[in-house]
C-alpha atoms as a PDB file:
ATOM      1  CA  MET A   1       6.850  -5.682   3.980  1.00  0.00           C
ATOM      2  CA  LYS A   2       4.941  -6.778   1.029  1.00  0.00           C
ATOM      3  CA  GLU A   3       2.597  -8.662   3.568  1.00  0.00           C
ATOM      4  CA  PHE A   4       2.310  -6.203   6.368  1.00  0.00           C
ATOM      5  CA  VAL A   5       1.049  -4.126   3.466  1.00  0.00           C
ATOM      6  CA  GLU A   6      -1.667  -6.696   2.260  1.00  0.00           C
ATOM      7  CA  TYR A   7      -2.528  -7.436   5.568  1.00  0.00           C
ATOM      8  CA  LEU A   8      -3.065  -3.472   6.315  1.00  0.00           C
ATOM      9  CA  VAL A   9      -5.528  -3.168   3.221  1.00  0.00           C
ATOM     10  CA  LYS A  10      -7.603  -6.346   3.391  1.00  0.00           C
ATOM     11  CA  HIS A  11      -8.688  -5.322   6.691  1.00  0.00           C
ATOM     12  CA  LEU A  12      -9.972  -1.810   4.911  1.00  0.00           C
ATOM     13  CA  VAL A  13     -11.834  -3.416   1.548  1.00  0.00           C
ATOM     14  CA  ASP A  14     -14.949  -5.004   0.758  1.00  0.00           C
ATOM     15  CA  LYS A  15     -12.854  -7.339  -1.379  1.00  0.00           C
ATOM     16  CA  PRO A  16      -9.958  -8.808   0.066  1.00  0.00           C
ATOM     17  CA  ASP A  17      -8.861 -11.465  -2.440  1.00  0.00           C
ATOM     18  CA  ASP A  18      -8.875  -8.468  -5.208  1.00  0.00           C
ATOM     19  CA  VAL A  19      -6.130  -6.876  -3.349  1.00  0.00           C
ATOM     20  CA  THR A  20      -1.897  -7.587  -4.724  1.00  0.00           C
ATOM     21  CA  VAL A  21       0.482  -6.100  -4.373  1.00  0.00           C
ATOM     22  CA  THR A  22       4.044  -5.890  -6.763  1.00  0.00           C
ATOM     23  CA  GLU A  23       7.400  -5.302  -5.108  1.00  0.00           C
ATOM     24  CA  VAL A  24       9.939  -3.242  -7.611  1.00  0.00           C
ATOM     25  CA  GLU A  25      13.444  -3.024  -6.413  1.00  0.00           C
ATOM     26  CA  LYS A  26      14.754   0.184  -7.718  1.00  0.00           C
ATOM     27  CA  GLU A  27      18.519   1.262  -7.196  1.00  0.00           C
ATOM     28  CA  ASN A  28      17.778   2.968  -3.425  1.00  0.00           C
ATOM     29  CA  VAL A  29      14.103   2.473  -3.017  1.00  0.00           C
ATOM     30  CA  THR A  30      11.382  -0.197  -2.974  1.00  0.00           C
ATOM     31  CA  ILE A  31       8.036   0.631  -4.873  1.00  0.00           C
ATOM     32  CA  TYR A  32       5.324  -0.919  -3.609  1.00  0.00           C
ATOM     33  CA  GLU A  33       2.154  -0.787  -6.235  1.00  0.00           C
ATOM     34  CA  LEU A  34      -0.908  -1.703  -4.436  1.00  0.00           C
ATOM     35  CA  ARG A  35      -4.295  -2.649  -6.382  1.00  0.00           C
ATOM     36  CA  VAL A  36      -7.611  -2.797  -5.029  1.00  0.00           C
ATOM     37  CA  GLY A  37     -11.056  -4.332  -6.380  1.00  0.00           C
ATOM     38  CA  GLU A  38     -13.270  -2.559  -7.833  1.00  0.00           C
ATOM     39  CA  GLY A  39     -15.305   0.172  -5.289  1.00  0.00           C
ATOM     40  CA  ASP A  40     -12.702  -0.550  -3.169  1.00  0.00           C
ATOM     41  CA  LEU A  41     -10.334   2.866  -3.962  1.00  0.00           C
ATOM     42  CA  GLY A  42     -11.974   4.870  -2.052  1.00  0.00           C
ATOM     43  CA  LYS A  43     -11.837   3.156   1.332  1.00  0.00           C
ATOM     44  CA  VAL A  44      -7.931   2.603   0.191  1.00  0.00           C
ATOM     45  CA  ILE A  45      -7.866   6.532   0.238  1.00  0.00           C
ATOM     46  CA  GLY A  46      -9.884   7.545   3.113  1.00  0.00           C
ATOM     47  CA  LYS A  47     -11.137  10.639   3.470  1.00  0.00           C
ATOM     48  CA  GLY A  48      -8.789  13.233   2.144  1.00  0.00           C
ATOM     49  CA  GLY A  49      -6.068  11.060   1.817  1.00  0.00           C
ATOM     50  CA  GLN A  50      -5.716   9.870   5.558  1.00  0.00           C
ATOM     51  CA  HIS A  51      -6.080   6.216   4.869  1.00  0.00           C
ATOM     52  CA  ALA A  52      -3.607   6.853   1.938  1.00  0.00           C
ATOM     53  CA  ARG A  53      -1.214   9.041   4.208  1.00  0.00           C
ATOM     54  CA  ALA A  54      -1.374   6.552   7.676  1.00  0.00           C
ATOM     55  CA  LEU A  55      -0.017   3.389   4.624  1.00  0.00           C
ATOM     56  CA  ARG A  56       2.667   5.024   3.857  1.00  0.00           C
ATOM     57  CA  THR A  57       3.406   6.506   7.108  1.00  0.00           C
ATOM     58  CA  LEU A  58       3.669   2.994   8.964  1.00  0.00           C
ATOM     59  CA  LEU A  59       5.639   1.241   5.737  1.00  0.00           C
ATOM     60  CA  ASN A  60       8.322   4.425   5.753  1.00  0.00           C
ATOM     61  CA  ALA A  61       8.154   3.722   9.782  1.00  0.00           C
ATOM     62  CA  ALA A  62       8.992  -0.024   9.207  1.00  0.00           C
ATOM     63  CA  THR A  63      11.732   0.212   5.921  1.00  0.00           C
ATOM     64  CA  ARG A  64      13.377   3.008   7.726  1.00  0.00           C
ATOM     65  CA  LYS A  65      14.289   0.003  11.082  1.00  0.00           C
ATOM     66  CA  MET A  66      15.823  -1.923   8.004  1.00  0.00           C
ATOM     67  CA  GLY A  67      17.686   0.642   6.652  1.00  0.00           C
ATOM     68  CA  ARG A  68      15.823   1.087   3.256  1.00  0.00           C
ATOM     69  CA  ASN A  69      13.424   3.479   1.872  1.00  0.00           C
ATOM     70  CA  ALA A  70       9.758   2.559   0.250  1.00  0.00           C
ATOM     71  CA  ASN A  71       7.283   4.422  -1.404  1.00  0.00           C
ATOM     72  CA  LEU A  72       3.742   2.915  -1.623  1.00  0.00           C
ATOM     73  CA  GLU A  73       2.238   3.793  -4.755  1.00  0.00           C
ATOM     74  CA  ILE A  74      -2.224   3.352  -5.182  1.00  0.00           C
ATOM     75  CA  ILE A  75      -2.776   2.265  -8.518  1.00  0.00           C
ATOM     76  CA  GLU A  76      -6.066   2.587  -9.701  1.00  0.00           C
ATOM     77  CA  ASN A  77      -7.495  -0.203 -12.098  1.00  0.00           C
ATOM     78  CA  ARG A  78      -9.180   0.513 -15.268  1.00  0.00           C
END
């Protein structure tokens, strides 16, 4: 699933080499922490959060088919 998120995000940003996704396993949920290069955060979030919402919807649909729960966290690099 990590590769799926990376694939989608790399096609949204200007600097695809700076995209990193970290998978964190919790008790009953997998958290995917997404980090992108400088200047690409807005492209991932999208106008009004549309891209972020769509990414989360796709991730949830794919993981629920496998009987898992997932959450996407977009982390701002500082």
